[in-house]
Amino acid sequence: MAALLDSPPSPYACYVLAHGAGAGMDHAFLAALAGRLCAQGVAVLRFQFPFMQQGSRRPDPPAVAQAAVRTAVEEAGKRFPGLPLFAGGKSFGARMSSQAQAASPLPGVRGLVFVGFPLHPAGKPGITRAAHLDGVHVAMLFLQGTRDALADLSLVQEVVQPLRPRATLHVVDGADHAFHVLVRSGRTDAQVLDELALAAAQWMRAQM
């Protein structure tokens, strides 16, 4: 499995960060997020899903993707024995990580961090993709933008509410599914990345 590791000298946790369906582990957004988390004291292991490693545009079937998540988590455990582990990822990577955890607990994982959970296809609002979250019995952090076309915020709130207290929702004002903000928002994409990293790092510390 192809993987990239960003680690501070003495990390307090490791986050296994899975990429989305449209771009691999070396995408600029994931690299920037990993760098910022590293600066917060979190080691980040990014990895490549098989379809991306093979140069395919078709995402892996759930069973294949979930197995990749499990392998990456096991690798993180080998690299950082005894260190608290967290898993999750961007969009497709978030959903595959949560499905893997619901199917069978990921070894050593204390919580899941979703960077834009893809609740439904664009233009087709619904919550069926979240049905498996009832089977996730570790803490979950949802980082969601208010302009996300794949996650209507009112529906995200509807999903998160019955999952509390193990589920936490952090809303990023003005951000779309890629966590891009419009110029008129008065913020930059870099500031949004700072917010995401800080929110995730603080939440991880709270789970320890």
N, C-alpha and C. Protein backbone atom coordinates (compact mmCIF):
# COMPACT_ATOMS: atom_id res chain seq x y z
N MET A 1 0.84 -1.21 0.00
CA MET A 1 0.00 0.00 0.00
C MET A 1 0.87 1.25 0.00
N ALA A 2 0.61 2.15 -0.94
CA ALA A 2 1.34 3.42 -0.98
C ALA A 2 0.83 4.32 0.14
N ALA A 3 1.76 4.96 0.85
CA ALA A 3 1.38 5.81 1.97
C ALA A 3 2.37 6.95 2.15
N LEU A 4 1.89 8.01 2.79
CA LEU A 4 2.73 9.17 3.11
C LEU A 4 2.53 9.48 4.59
N LEU A 5 3.61 9.76 5.27
CA LEU A 5 3.54 10.05 6.71
C LEU A 5 4.08 11.44 7.01
N ASP A 6 3.27 12.23 7.72
CA ASP A 6 3.71 13.51 8.27
C ASP A 6 3.69 13.34 9.79
N SER A 7 4.82 13.55 10.43
CA SER A 7 4.86 13.33 11.87
C SER A 7 5.75 14.35 12.57
N PRO A 8 5.25 14.95 13.66
CA PRO A 8 6.11 15.79 14.49
C PRO A 8 7.04 14.90 15.29
N PRO A 9 8.04 15.47 15.98
CA PRO A 9 8.98 14.65 16.74
C PRO A 9 8.33 13.77 17.81
N SER A 10 7.33 14.32 18.50
CA SER A 10 6.66 13.56 19.57
C SER A 10 5.15 13.70 19.45
N PRO A 11 4.53 12.99 18.53
CA PRO A 11 3.09 13.12 18.34
C PRO A 11 2.30 12.57 19.53
N TYR A 12 1.13 13.15 19.79
CA TYR A 12 0.28 12.63 20.86
C TYR A 12 -0.83 11.73 20.30
N ALA A 13 -0.95 11.70 18.97
CA ALA A 13 -1.96 10.86 18.32
C ALA A 13 -1.57 10.69 16.86
N CYS A 14 -2.18 9.70 16.22
CA CYS A 14 -1.98 9.50 14.78
C CYS A 14 -3.35 9.42 14.11
N TYR A 15 -3.49 10.15 13.02
CA TYR A 15 -4.73 10.19 12.26
C TYR A 15 -4.51 9.53 10.90
N VAL A 16 -5.27 8.50 10.62
CA VAL A 16 -5.20 7.80 9.33
C VAL A 16 -6.18 8.49 8.40
N LEU A 17 -5.65 9.21 7.44
CA LEU A 17 -6.44 10.11 6.59
C LEU A 17 -6.64 9.52 5.19
N ALA A 18 -7.86 9.16 4.88
CA ALA A 18 -8.20 8.56 3.59
C ALA A 18 -8.65 9.64 2.61
N HIS A 19 -8.27 9.48 1.36
CA HIS A 19 -8.60 10.49 0.35
C HIS A 19 -10.02 10.29 -0.21
N GLY A 20 -10.46 11.25 -1.02
CA GLY A 20 -11.77 11.19 -1.63
C GLY A 20 -11.77 10.40 -2.92
N ALA A 21 -12.92 10.41 -3.61
CA ALA A 21 -13.06 9.61 -4.83
C ALA A 21 -12.38 10.25 -6.03
N GLY A 22 -12.18 11.56 -5.99
CA GLY A 22 -11.67 12.25 -7.17
C GLY A 22 -10.20 12.58 -7.18
N ALA A 23 -9.51 12.41 -6.07
CA ALA A 23 -8.09 12.76 -6.00
C ALA A 23 -7.41 11.90 -4.95
N GLY A 24 -6.12 11.62 -5.15
CA GLY A 24 -5.39 10.72 -4.28
C GLY A 24 -4.82 11.36 -3.03
N MET A 25 -3.96 10.59 -2.38
CA MET A 25 -3.42 11.01 -1.08
C MET A 25 -2.50 12.23 -1.18
N ASP A 26 -1.99 12.51 -2.39
CA ASP A 26 -1.07 13.63 -2.54
C ASP A 26 -1.77 14.91 -2.99
N HIS A 27 -3.10 14.92 -2.97
CA HIS A 27 -3.85 16.11 -3.33
C HIS A 27 -3.45 17.28 -2.42
N ALA A 28 -3.41 18.48 -2.99
CA ALA A 28 -2.93 19.65 -2.25
C ALA A 28 -3.72 19.90 -0.97
N PHE A 29 -5.03 19.69 -1.01
CA PHE A 29 -5.85 19.92 0.19
C PHE A 29 -5.43 18.98 1.31
N LEU A 30 -5.28 17.68 1.00
CA LEU A 30 -4.92 16.71 2.03
C LEU A 30 -3.50 16.96 2.54
N ALA A 31 -2.60 17.32 1.63
CA ALA A 31 -1.22 17.61 2.04
C ALA A 31 -1.19 18.81 2.99
N ALA A 32 -1.97 19.83 2.68
CA ALA A 32 -2.01 21.03 3.52
C ALA A 32 -2.63 20.72 4.88
N LEU A 33 -3.71 19.92 4.88
CA LEU A 33 -4.35 19.55 6.14
C LEU A 33 -3.41 18.72 6.99
N ALA A 34 -2.72 17.77 6.36
CA ALA A 34 -1.78 16.92 7.09
C ALA A 34 -0.66 17.76 7.71
N GLY A 35 -0.16 18.72 6.96
CA GLY A 35 0.89 19.59 7.48
C GLY A 35 0.45 20.40 8.67
N ARG A 36 -0.77 20.89 8.61
CA ARG A 36 -1.29 21.69 9.72
C ARG A 36 -1.56 20.82 10.95
N LEU A 37 -2.07 19.63 10.75
CA LEU A 37 -2.28 18.72 11.88
C LEU A 37 -0.95 18.33 12.52
N CYS A 38 0.05 18.12 11.68
CA CYS A 38 1.39 17.79 12.18
C CYS A 38 1.90 18.92 13.07
N ALA A 39 1.67 20.16 12.65
CA ALA A 39 2.09 21.31 13.45
C ALA A 39 1.35 21.37 14.79
N GLN A 40 0.17 20.73 14.85
CA GLN A 40 -0.61 20.68 16.09
C GLN A 40 -0.22 19.49 16.97
N GLY A 41 0.72 18.67 16.49
CA GLY A 41 1.18 17.54 17.29
C GLY A 41 0.59 16.20 16.90
N VAL A 42 -0.13 16.16 15.77
CA VAL A 42 -0.77 14.92 15.32
C VAL A 42 0.00 14.35 14.12
N ALA A 43 0.40 13.10 14.22
CA ALA A 43 0.99 12.41 13.07
C ALA A 43 -0.14 12.05 12.12
N VAL A 44 0.10 12.16 10.82
CA VAL A 44 -0.94 11.87 9.83
C VAL A 44 -0.40 10.86 8.82
N LEU A 45 -1.10 9.74 8.71
CA LEU A 45 -0.75 8.74 7.71
C LEU A 45 -1.80 8.79 6.60
N ARG A 46 -1.36 9.27 5.44
CA ARG A 46 -2.22 9.24 4.26
C ARG A 46 -1.91 7.97 3.47
N PHE A 47 -2.92 7.44 2.82
CA PHE A 47 -2.70 6.21 2.04
C PHE A 47 -3.54 6.25 0.77
N GLN A 48 -3.20 5.38 -0.16
CA GLN A 48 -3.86 5.34 -1.45
C GLN A 48 -4.84 4.16 -1.52
N PHE A 49 -6.08 4.44 -1.91
CA PHE A 49 -7.00 3.35 -2.18
C PHE A 49 -6.53 2.60 -3.43
N PRO A 50 -6.82 1.31 -3.54
CA PRO A 50 -6.35 0.52 -4.69
C PRO A 50 -6.71 1.12 -6.05
N PHE A 51 -7.94 1.64 -6.19
CA PHE A 51 -8.35 2.17 -7.50
C PHE A 51 -7.48 3.33 -7.94
N MET A 52 -7.12 4.18 -6.99
CA MET A 52 -6.28 5.34 -7.32
C MET A 52 -4.86 4.89 -7.63
N GLN A 53 -4.39 3.91 -6.89
CA GLN A 53 -3.04 3.39 -7.12
C GLN A 53 -2.94 2.73 -8.51
N GLN A 54 -4.07 2.19 -8.98
CA GLN A 54 -4.10 1.53 -10.28
C GLN A 54 -4.41 2.48 -11.43
N GLY A 55 -4.65 3.76 -11.10
CA GLY A 55 -4.94 4.74 -12.13
C GLY A 55 -6.35 4.71 -12.65
N SER A 56 -7.26 4.11 -11.91
CA SER A 56 -8.66 4.03 -12.32
C SER A 56 -9.44 5.22 -11.77
N ARG A 57 -10.49 5.59 -12.49
CA ARG A 57 -11.37 6.66 -12.02
C ARG A 57 -12.57 6.10 -11.27
N ARG A 58 -12.75 4.81 -11.31
CA ARG A 58 -13.89 4.19 -10.64
C ARG A 58 -13.50 3.79 -9.22
N PRO A 59 -14.15 4.37 -8.22
CA PRO A 59 -13.81 4.02 -6.83
C PRO A 59 -13.98 2.53 -6.55
N ASP A 60 -13.21 2.04 -5.61
CA ASP A 60 -13.28 0.63 -5.23
C ASP A 60 -14.65 0.29 -4.66
N PRO A 61 -15.07 -0.97 -4.80
CA PRO A 61 -16.28 -1.42 -4.10
C PRO A 61 -16.06 -1.24 -2.59
N PRO A 62 -17.14 -1.05 -1.84
CA PRO A 62 -17.00 -0.82 -0.40
C PRO A 62 -16.13 -1.85 0.33
N ALA A 63 -16.28 -3.12 0.02
CA ALA A 63 -15.49 -4.14 0.73
C ALA A 63 -14.00 -3.95 0.50
N VAL A 64 -13.62 -3.59 -0.72
CA VAL A 64 -12.20 -3.37 -1.05
C VAL A 64 -11.68 -2.12 -0.35
N ALA A 65 -12.48 -1.05 -0.41
CA ALA A 65 -12.08 0.21 0.23
C ALA A 65 -11.98 0.07 1.74
N GLN A 66 -12.93 -0.63 2.33
CA GLN A 66 -12.90 -0.83 3.78
C GLN A 66 -11.68 -1.66 4.20
N ALA A 67 -11.31 -2.64 3.40
CA ALA A 67 -10.12 -3.45 3.69
C ALA A 67 -8.88 -2.58 3.62
N ALA A 68 -8.84 -1.63 2.70
CA ALA A 68 -7.70 -0.73 2.59
C ALA A 68 -7.59 0.15 3.84
N VAL A 69 -8.73 0.64 4.32
CA VAL A 69 -8.74 1.44 5.55
C VAL A 69 -8.17 0.62 6.70
N ARG A 70 -8.62 -0.62 6.81
CA ARG A 70 -8.18 -1.49 7.90
C ARG A 70 -6.67 -1.74 7.82
N THR A 71 -6.17 -1.96 6.61
CA THR A 71 -4.73 -2.18 6.43
C THR A 71 -3.94 -0.94 6.82
N ALA A 72 -4.44 0.23 6.45
CA ALA A 72 -3.76 1.49 6.79
C ALA A 72 -3.74 1.71 8.30
N VAL A 73 -4.84 1.40 8.97
CA VAL A 73 -4.91 1.55 10.43
C VAL A 73 -3.92 0.59 11.09
N GLU A 74 -3.85 -0.62 10.59
CA GLU A 74 -2.90 -1.58 11.14
C GLU A 74 -1.47 -1.11 10.94
N GLU A 75 -1.19 -0.50 9.79
CA GLU A 75 0.15 0.04 9.53
C GLU A 75 0.47 1.18 10.49
N ALA A 76 -0.51 2.04 10.74
CA ALA A 76 -0.30 3.13 11.69
C ALA A 76 -0.01 2.59 13.08
N GLY A 77 -0.70 1.52 13.46
CA GLY A 77 -0.46 0.90 14.76
C GLY A 77 0.94 0.34 14.88
N LYS A 78 1.47 -0.19 13.78
CA LYS A 78 2.84 -0.72 13.78
C LYS A 78 3.87 0.41 13.88
N ARG A 79 3.58 1.51 13.19
CA ARG A 79 4.52 2.64 13.20
C ARG A 79 4.51 3.40 14.52
N PHE A 80 3.34 3.42 15.17
CA PHE A 80 3.20 4.16 16.42
C PHE A 80 2.56 3.28 17.49
N PRO A 81 3.26 2.25 17.92
CA PRO A 81 2.68 1.34 18.93
C PRO A 81 2.35 2.08 20.22
N GLY A 82 1.14 1.88 20.69
CA GLY A 82 0.70 2.50 21.92
C GLY A 82 0.13 3.90 21.77
N LEU A 83 0.28 4.50 20.58
CA LEU A 83 -0.22 5.86 20.37
C LEU A 83 -1.72 5.80 20.03
N PRO A 84 -2.52 6.71 20.60
CA PRO A 84 -3.94 6.74 20.25
C PRO A 84 -4.12 6.95 18.75
N LEU A 85 -4.98 6.17 18.14
CA LEU A 85 -5.23 6.26 16.71
C LEU A 85 -6.61 6.83 16.43
N PHE A 86 -6.68 7.58 15.35
CA PHE A 86 -7.95 8.09 14.83
C PHE A 86 -7.97 7.80 13.34
N ALA A 87 -9.15 7.64 12.79
CA ALA A 87 -9.27 7.35 11.36
C ALA A 87 -10.34 8.24 10.77
N GLY A 88 -10.46 8.19 9.46
CA GLY A 88 -11.45 9.01 8.77
C GLY A 88 -10.88 9.51 7.45
N GLY A 89 -11.37 10.64 7.00
CA GLY A 89 -10.86 11.14 5.74
C GLY A 89 -11.79 12.11 5.08
N LYS A 90 -11.48 12.38 3.83
CA LYS A 90 -12.24 13.34 3.02
C LYS A 90 -13.30 12.59 2.20
N SER A 91 -14.54 13.00 2.35
CA SER A 91 -15.64 12.52 1.51
C SER A 91 -15.72 10.99 1.43
N PHE A 92 -15.42 10.41 0.27
CA PHE A 92 -15.44 8.96 0.10
C PHE A 92 -14.61 8.26 1.17
N GLY A 93 -13.46 8.82 1.49
CA GLY A 93 -12.60 8.25 2.52
C GLY A 93 -13.25 8.27 3.89
N ALA A 94 -14.03 9.31 4.16
CA ALA A 94 -14.75 9.39 5.44
C ALA A 94 -15.80 8.28 5.52
N ARG A 95 -16.55 8.12 4.45
CA ARG A 95 -17.63 7.12 4.46
C ARG A 95 -17.10 5.70 4.52
N MET A 96 -16.01 5.42 3.80
CA MET A 96 -15.43 4.08 3.83
C MET A 96 -14.84 3.77 5.21
N SER A 97 -14.28 4.78 5.86
CA SER A 97 -13.73 4.58 7.20
C SER A 97 -14.83 4.28 8.21
N SER A 98 -15.94 5.01 8.10
CA SER A 98 -17.04 4.78 9.04
C SER A 98 -17.70 3.43 8.78
N GLN A 99 -17.81 3.04 7.51
CA GLN A 99 -18.37 1.73 7.21
C GLN A 99 -17.48 0.60 7.73
N ALA A 100 -16.17 0.79 7.61
CA ALA A 100 -15.23 -0.22 8.12
C ALA A 100 -15.37 -0.35 9.63
N GLN A 101 -15.47 0.79 10.32
CA GLN A 101 -15.60 0.78 11.78
C GLN A 101 -16.92 0.14 12.20
N ALA A 102 -17.99 0.42 11.45
CA ALA A 102 -19.29 -0.16 11.79
C ALA A 102 -19.30 -1.67 11.58
N ALA A 103 -18.58 -2.14 10.56
CA ALA A 103 -18.54 -3.57 10.26
C ALA A 103 -17.77 -4.34 11.31
N SER A 104 -16.65 -3.77 11.75
CA SER A 104 -15.80 -4.41 12.77
C SER A 104 -14.83 -3.36 13.28
N PRO A 105 -14.79 -3.11 14.60
CA PRO A 105 -13.96 -2.04 15.14
C PRO A 105 -12.52 -2.07 14.61
N LEU A 106 -12.07 -0.91 14.16
CA LEU A 106 -10.69 -0.77 13.68
C LEU A 106 -9.75 -0.81 14.88
N PRO A 107 -8.72 -1.65 14.85
CA PRO A 107 -7.85 -1.84 16.02
C PRO A 107 -7.16 -0.55 16.49
N GLY A 108 -7.40 -0.24 17.76
CA GLY A 108 -6.73 0.91 18.37
C GLY A 108 -7.35 2.25 18.08
N VAL A 109 -8.40 2.29 17.27
CA VAL A 109 -8.99 3.57 16.88
C VAL A 109 -9.95 4.09 17.95
N ARG A 110 -9.67 5.31 18.41
CA ARG A 110 -10.49 5.92 19.46
C ARG A 110 -11.62 6.77 18.91
N GLY A 111 -11.49 7.20 17.67
CA GLY A 111 -12.51 8.06 17.11
C GLY A 111 -12.32 8.25 15.61
N LEU A 112 -13.35 8.79 14.98
CA LEU A 112 -13.34 9.04 13.54
C LEU A 112 -13.52 10.53 13.28
N VAL A 113 -12.73 11.03 12.34
CA VAL A 113 -12.82 12.45 11.94
C VAL A 113 -13.23 12.49 10.47
N PHE A 114 -14.41 13.04 10.21
CA PHE A 114 -14.94 13.12 8.86
C PHE A 114 -14.74 14.53 8.31
N VAL A 115 -13.98 14.64 7.23
CA VAL A 115 -13.73 15.94 6.61
C VAL A 115 -14.66 16.05 5.40
N GLY A 116 -15.88 16.49 5.66
CA GLY A 116 -16.88 16.56 4.61
C GLY A 116 -17.51 15.21 4.35
N PHE A 117 -18.32 14.72 5.30
CA PHE A 117 -18.99 13.44 5.12
C PHE A 117 -19.98 13.57 3.96
N PRO A 118 -19.91 12.68 2.95
CA PRO A 118 -20.80 12.78 1.77
C PRO A 118 -22.15 12.15 2.06
N LEU A 119 -23.04 12.91 2.62
CA LEU A 119 -24.31 12.37 3.10
C LEU A 119 -25.24 11.92 1.97
N HIS A 120 -25.12 12.57 0.82
CA HIS A 120 -25.99 12.23 -0.30
C HIS A 120 -25.36 12.73 -1.60
N PRO A 121 -25.81 12.22 -2.76
CA PRO A 121 -25.31 12.75 -4.03
C PRO A 121 -25.78 14.19 -4.21
N ALA A 122 -25.06 14.96 -5.01
CA ALA A 122 -25.45 16.34 -5.28
C ALA A 122 -26.84 16.39 -5.90
N GLY A 123 -27.69 17.23 -5.36
CA GLY A 123 -29.02 17.39 -5.89
C GLY A 123 -30.01 16.33 -5.47
N LYS A 124 -29.58 15.38 -4.66
CA LYS A 124 -30.46 14.30 -4.21
C LYS A 124 -30.38 14.15 -2.69
N PRO A 125 -30.87 15.12 -1.95
CA PRO A 125 -30.76 15.09 -0.49
C PRO A 125 -31.41 13.86 0.13
N GLY A 126 -30.75 13.29 1.12
CA GLY A 126 -31.26 12.12 1.83
C GLY A 126 -30.27 11.72 2.91
N ILE A 127 -30.65 10.76 3.73
CA ILE A 127 -29.79 10.36 4.84
C ILE A 127 -29.51 8.86 4.86
N THR A 128 -29.86 8.16 3.81
CA THR A 128 -29.65 6.70 3.81
C THR A 128 -28.19 6.32 3.93
N ARG A 129 -27.29 7.16 3.43
CA ARG A 129 -25.86 6.86 3.53
C ARG A 129 -25.36 6.89 4.97
N ALA A 130 -26.15 7.42 5.86
CA ALA A 130 -25.73 7.52 7.26
C ALA A 130 -26.29 6.40 8.12
N ALA A 131 -27.05 5.49 7.55
CA ALA A 131 -27.72 4.45 8.34
C ALA A 131 -26.73 3.62 9.15
N HIS A 132 -25.55 3.37 8.59
CA HIS A 132 -24.58 2.52 9.28
C HIS A 132 -23.94 3.18 10.49
N LEU A 133 -24.09 4.49 10.62
CA LEU A 133 -23.44 5.20 11.73
C LEU A 133 -23.97 4.76 13.09
N ASP A 134 -25.15 4.19 13.13
CA ASP A 134 -25.67 3.64 14.39
C ASP A 134 -24.77 2.53 14.91
N GLY A 135 -24.05 1.88 13.99
CA GLY A 135 -23.16 0.79 14.38
C GLY A 135 -21.75 1.23 14.71
N VAL A 136 -21.51 2.54 14.70
CA VAL A 136 -20.20 3.08 15.07
C VAL A 136 -20.24 3.47 16.54
N HIS A 137 -19.44 2.80 17.34
CA HIS A 137 -19.52 3.02 18.79
C HIS A 137 -18.29 3.72 19.36
N VAL A 138 -17.59 4.47 18.50
CA VAL A 138 -16.51 5.34 18.97
C VAL A 138 -16.93 6.78 18.69
N ALA A 139 -16.19 7.72 19.24
CA ALA A 139 -16.50 9.14 19.03
C ALA A 139 -16.33 9.52 17.56
N MET A 140 -17.16 10.45 17.12
CA MET A 140 -17.11 10.92 15.73
C MET A 140 -17.14 12.43 15.68
N LEU A 141 -16.32 13.00 14.80
CA LEU A 141 -16.31 14.44 14.56
C LEU A 141 -16.66 14.69 13.10
N PHE A 142 -17.72 15.45 12.89
CA PHE A 142 -18.13 15.83 11.54
C PHE A 142 -17.68 17.27 11.29
N LEU A 143 -16.80 17.46 10.32
CA LEU A 143 -16.38 18.79 9.88
C LEU A 143 -17.14 19.06 8.59
N GLN A 144 -18.10 19.96 8.64
CA GLN A 144 -19.00 20.15 7.50
C GLN A 144 -19.14 21.62 7.13
N GLY A 145 -19.10 21.91 5.83
CA GLY A 145 -19.30 23.26 5.34
C GLY A 145 -20.77 23.57 5.12
N THR A 146 -21.13 24.84 5.26
CA THR A 146 -22.53 25.23 5.11
C THR A 146 -22.97 25.23 3.65
N ARG A 147 -22.03 25.22 2.69
CA ARG A 147 -22.39 25.21 1.26
C ARG A 147 -22.09 23.86 0.61
N ASP A 148 -22.00 22.82 1.39
CA ASP A 148 -21.65 21.49 0.87
C ASP A 148 -22.83 20.90 0.09
N ALA A 149 -22.64 20.71 -1.22
CA ALA A 149 -23.71 20.17 -2.06
C ALA A 149 -23.96 18.69 -1.82
N LEU A 150 -23.04 18.03 -1.11
CA LEU A 150 -23.18 16.60 -0.83
C LEU A 150 -23.59 16.35 0.62
N ALA A 151 -23.94 17.41 1.32
CA ALA A 151 -24.34 17.25 2.72
C ALA A 151 -25.14 18.47 3.16
N ASP A 152 -26.42 18.44 2.88
CA ASP A 152 -27.30 19.52 3.34
C ASP A 152 -27.18 19.63 4.86
N LEU A 153 -26.86 20.82 5.33
CA LEU A 153 -26.55 20.99 6.75
C LEU A 153 -27.71 20.59 7.66
N SER A 154 -28.93 20.88 7.27
CA SER A 154 -30.07 20.50 8.11
C SER A 154 -30.17 18.98 8.23
N LEU A 155 -29.81 18.27 7.16
CA LEU A 155 -29.83 16.81 7.21
C LEU A 155 -28.67 16.27 8.03
N VAL A 156 -27.51 16.92 7.94
CA VAL A 156 -26.38 16.51 8.78
C VAL A 156 -26.76 16.65 10.25
N GLN A 157 -27.39 17.76 10.59
CA GLN A 157 -27.83 17.98 11.97
C GLN A 157 -28.83 16.91 12.40
N GLU A 158 -29.70 16.53 11.48
CA GLU A 158 -30.68 15.48 11.76
C GLU A 158 -29.99 14.14 12.03
N VAL A 159 -28.92 13.88 11.33
CA VAL A 159 -28.16 12.63 11.51
C VAL A 159 -27.38 12.65 12.81
N VAL A 160 -26.74 13.76 13.09
CA VAL A 160 -25.85 13.86 14.25
C VAL A 160 -26.61 13.85 15.57
N GLN A 161 -27.77 14.50 15.62
CA GLN A 161 -28.49 14.68 16.89
C GLN A 161 -28.70 13.37 17.66
N PRO A 162 -29.24 12.32 17.03
CA PRO A 162 -29.45 11.08 17.80
C PRO A 162 -28.17 10.32 18.11
N LEU A 163 -27.07 10.71 17.50
CA LEU A 163 -25.79 10.05 17.75
C LEU A 163 -25.01 10.70 18.89
N ARG A 164 -25.52 11.83 19.38
CA ARG A 164 -24.84 12.48 20.50
C ARG A 164 -24.97 11.61 21.74
N PRO A 165 -24.01 11.61 22.68
CA PRO A 165 -22.86 12.50 22.75
C PRO A 165 -21.62 12.00 22.01
N ARG A 166 -21.69 10.83 21.39
CA ARG A 166 -20.46 10.35 20.76
C ARG A 166 -20.18 11.05 19.43
N ALA A 167 -21.16 11.80 18.90
CA ALA A 167 -20.97 12.54 17.66
C ALA A 167 -20.94 14.04 17.92
N THR A 168 -20.00 14.72 17.29
CA THR A 168 -19.84 16.17 17.41
C THR A 168 -19.85 16.78 16.01
N LEU A 169 -20.55 17.88 15.84
CA LEU A 169 -20.61 18.57 14.56
C LEU A 169 -19.90 19.91 14.66
N HIS A 170 -18.91 20.11 13.79
CA HIS A 170 -18.24 21.42 13.69
C HIS A 170 -18.59 22.00 12.33
N VAL A 171 -19.30 23.11 12.32
CA VAL A 171 -19.76 23.74 11.09
C VAL A 171 -18.76 24.79 10.63
N VAL A 172 -18.37 24.70 9.36
CA VAL A 172 -17.44 25.66 8.77
C VAL A 172 -18.25 26.60 7.88
N ASP A 173 -18.43 27.80 8.34
CA ASP A 173 -19.29 28.76 7.67
C ASP A 173 -18.77 29.12 6.28
N GLY A 174 -19.65 29.00 5.29
CA GLY A 174 -19.32 29.41 3.93
C GLY A 174 -18.54 28.43 3.09
N ALA A 175 -18.17 27.30 3.66
CA ALA A 175 -17.33 26.33 2.93
C ALA A 175 -18.19 25.36 2.13
N ASP A 176 -17.68 24.99 0.94
CA ASP A 176 -18.37 23.99 0.13
C ASP A 176 -17.78 22.61 0.41
N HIS A 177 -18.06 21.63 -0.44
CA HIS A 177 -17.59 20.27 -0.18
C HIS A 177 -16.07 20.17 -0.22
N ALA A 178 -15.43 21.05 -0.99
CA ALA A 178 -13.97 21.07 -1.07
C ALA A 178 -13.37 22.00 -0.02
N PHE A 179 -14.22 22.56 0.83
CA PHE A 179 -13.84 23.53 1.85
C PHE A 179 -13.25 24.80 1.24
N HIS A 180 -13.79 25.13 0.07
CA HIS A 180 -13.47 26.39 -0.58
C HIS A 180 -14.49 27.43 -0.12
N VAL A 181 -14.02 28.64 0.12
CA VAL A 181 -14.92 29.74 0.50
C VAL A 181 -14.85 30.84 -0.55
N LEU A 182 -15.97 31.52 -0.73
CA LEU A 182 -16.03 32.61 -1.69
C LEU A 182 -15.26 33.82 -1.18
N VAL A 183 -14.78 34.62 -2.10
CA VAL A 183 -14.02 35.82 -1.73
C VAL A 183 -14.86 36.73 -0.84
N ARG A 184 -16.14 36.84 -1.16
CA ARG A 184 -17.00 37.74 -0.38
C ARG A 184 -17.21 37.29 1.06
N SER A 185 -16.77 36.07 1.38
CA SER A 185 -16.90 35.59 2.76
C SER A 185 -15.95 36.32 3.71
N GLY A 186 -14.91 36.93 3.13
CA GLY A 186 -13.93 37.63 3.96
C GLY A 186 -12.87 36.71 4.52
N ARG A 187 -12.93 35.42 4.14
CA ARG A 187 -11.93 34.46 4.59
C ARG A 187 -11.25 33.82 3.39
N THR A 188 -10.12 33.17 3.65
CA THR A 188 -9.41 32.47 2.60
C THR A 188 -9.48 30.97 2.84
N ASP A 189 -9.18 30.20 1.80
CA ASP A 189 -9.15 28.74 1.94
C ASP A 189 -8.09 28.31 2.97
N ALA A 190 -6.99 29.06 3.03
CA ALA A 190 -5.93 28.74 3.99
C ALA A 190 -6.44 28.91 5.42
N GLN A 191 -7.25 29.92 5.66
CA GLN A 191 -7.82 30.11 7.00
C GLN A 191 -8.79 29.01 7.35
N VAL A 192 -9.52 28.52 6.35
CA VAL A 192 -10.42 27.40 6.58
C VAL A 192 -9.63 26.15 6.96
N LEU A 193 -8.52 25.90 6.27
CA LEU A 193 -7.66 24.77 6.62
C LEU A 193 -7.15 24.90 8.05
N ASP A 194 -6.78 26.10 8.45
CA ASP A 194 -6.34 26.32 9.83
C ASP A 194 -7.44 25.94 10.81
N GLU A 195 -8.67 26.34 10.48
CA GLU A 195 -9.82 26.04 11.35
C GLU A 195 -10.05 24.54 11.44
N LEU A 196 -9.98 23.86 10.31
CA LEU A 196 -10.20 22.41 10.29
C LEU A 196 -9.17 21.69 11.15
N ALA A 197 -7.90 22.05 10.95
CA ALA A 197 -6.82 21.38 11.69
C ALA A 197 -6.94 21.63 13.19
N LEU A 198 -7.24 22.86 13.57
CA LEU A 198 -7.35 23.19 14.99
C LEU A 198 -8.53 22.47 15.62
N ALA A 199 -9.67 22.46 14.93
CA ALA A 199 -10.86 21.80 15.46
C ALA A 199 -10.62 20.30 15.63
N ALA A 200 -9.98 19.69 14.62
CA ALA A 200 -9.72 18.25 14.69
C ALA A 200 -8.72 17.92 15.79
N ALA A 201 -7.65 18.70 15.88
CA ALA A 201 -6.62 18.43 16.88
C ALA A 201 -7.16 18.59 18.30
N GLN A 202 -7.93 19.63 18.53
CA GLN A 202 -8.50 19.85 19.86
C GLN A 202 -9.48 18.74 20.21
N TRP A 203 -10.27 18.32 19.23
CA TRP A 203 -11.23 17.24 19.48
C TRP A 203 -10.50 15.94 19.80
N MET A 204 -9.42 15.63 19.08
CA MET A 204 -8.66 14.42 19.35
C MET A 204 -8.09 14.43 20.76
N ARG A 205 -7.58 15.56 21.18
CA ARG A 205 -7.05 15.66 22.56
C ARG A 205 -8.14 15.39 23.58
N ALA A 206 -9.35 15.85 23.28
CA ALA A 206 -10.46 15.67 24.22
C ALA A 206 -10.89 14.20 24.34
N GLN A 207 -10.50 13.37 23.37
CA GLN A 207 -10.88 11.95 23.42
C GLN A 207 -9.85 11.12 24.20
N MET A 208 -8.80 11.74 24.70
CA MET A 208 -7.71 11.00 25.34
C MET A 208 -7.79 11.09 26.87
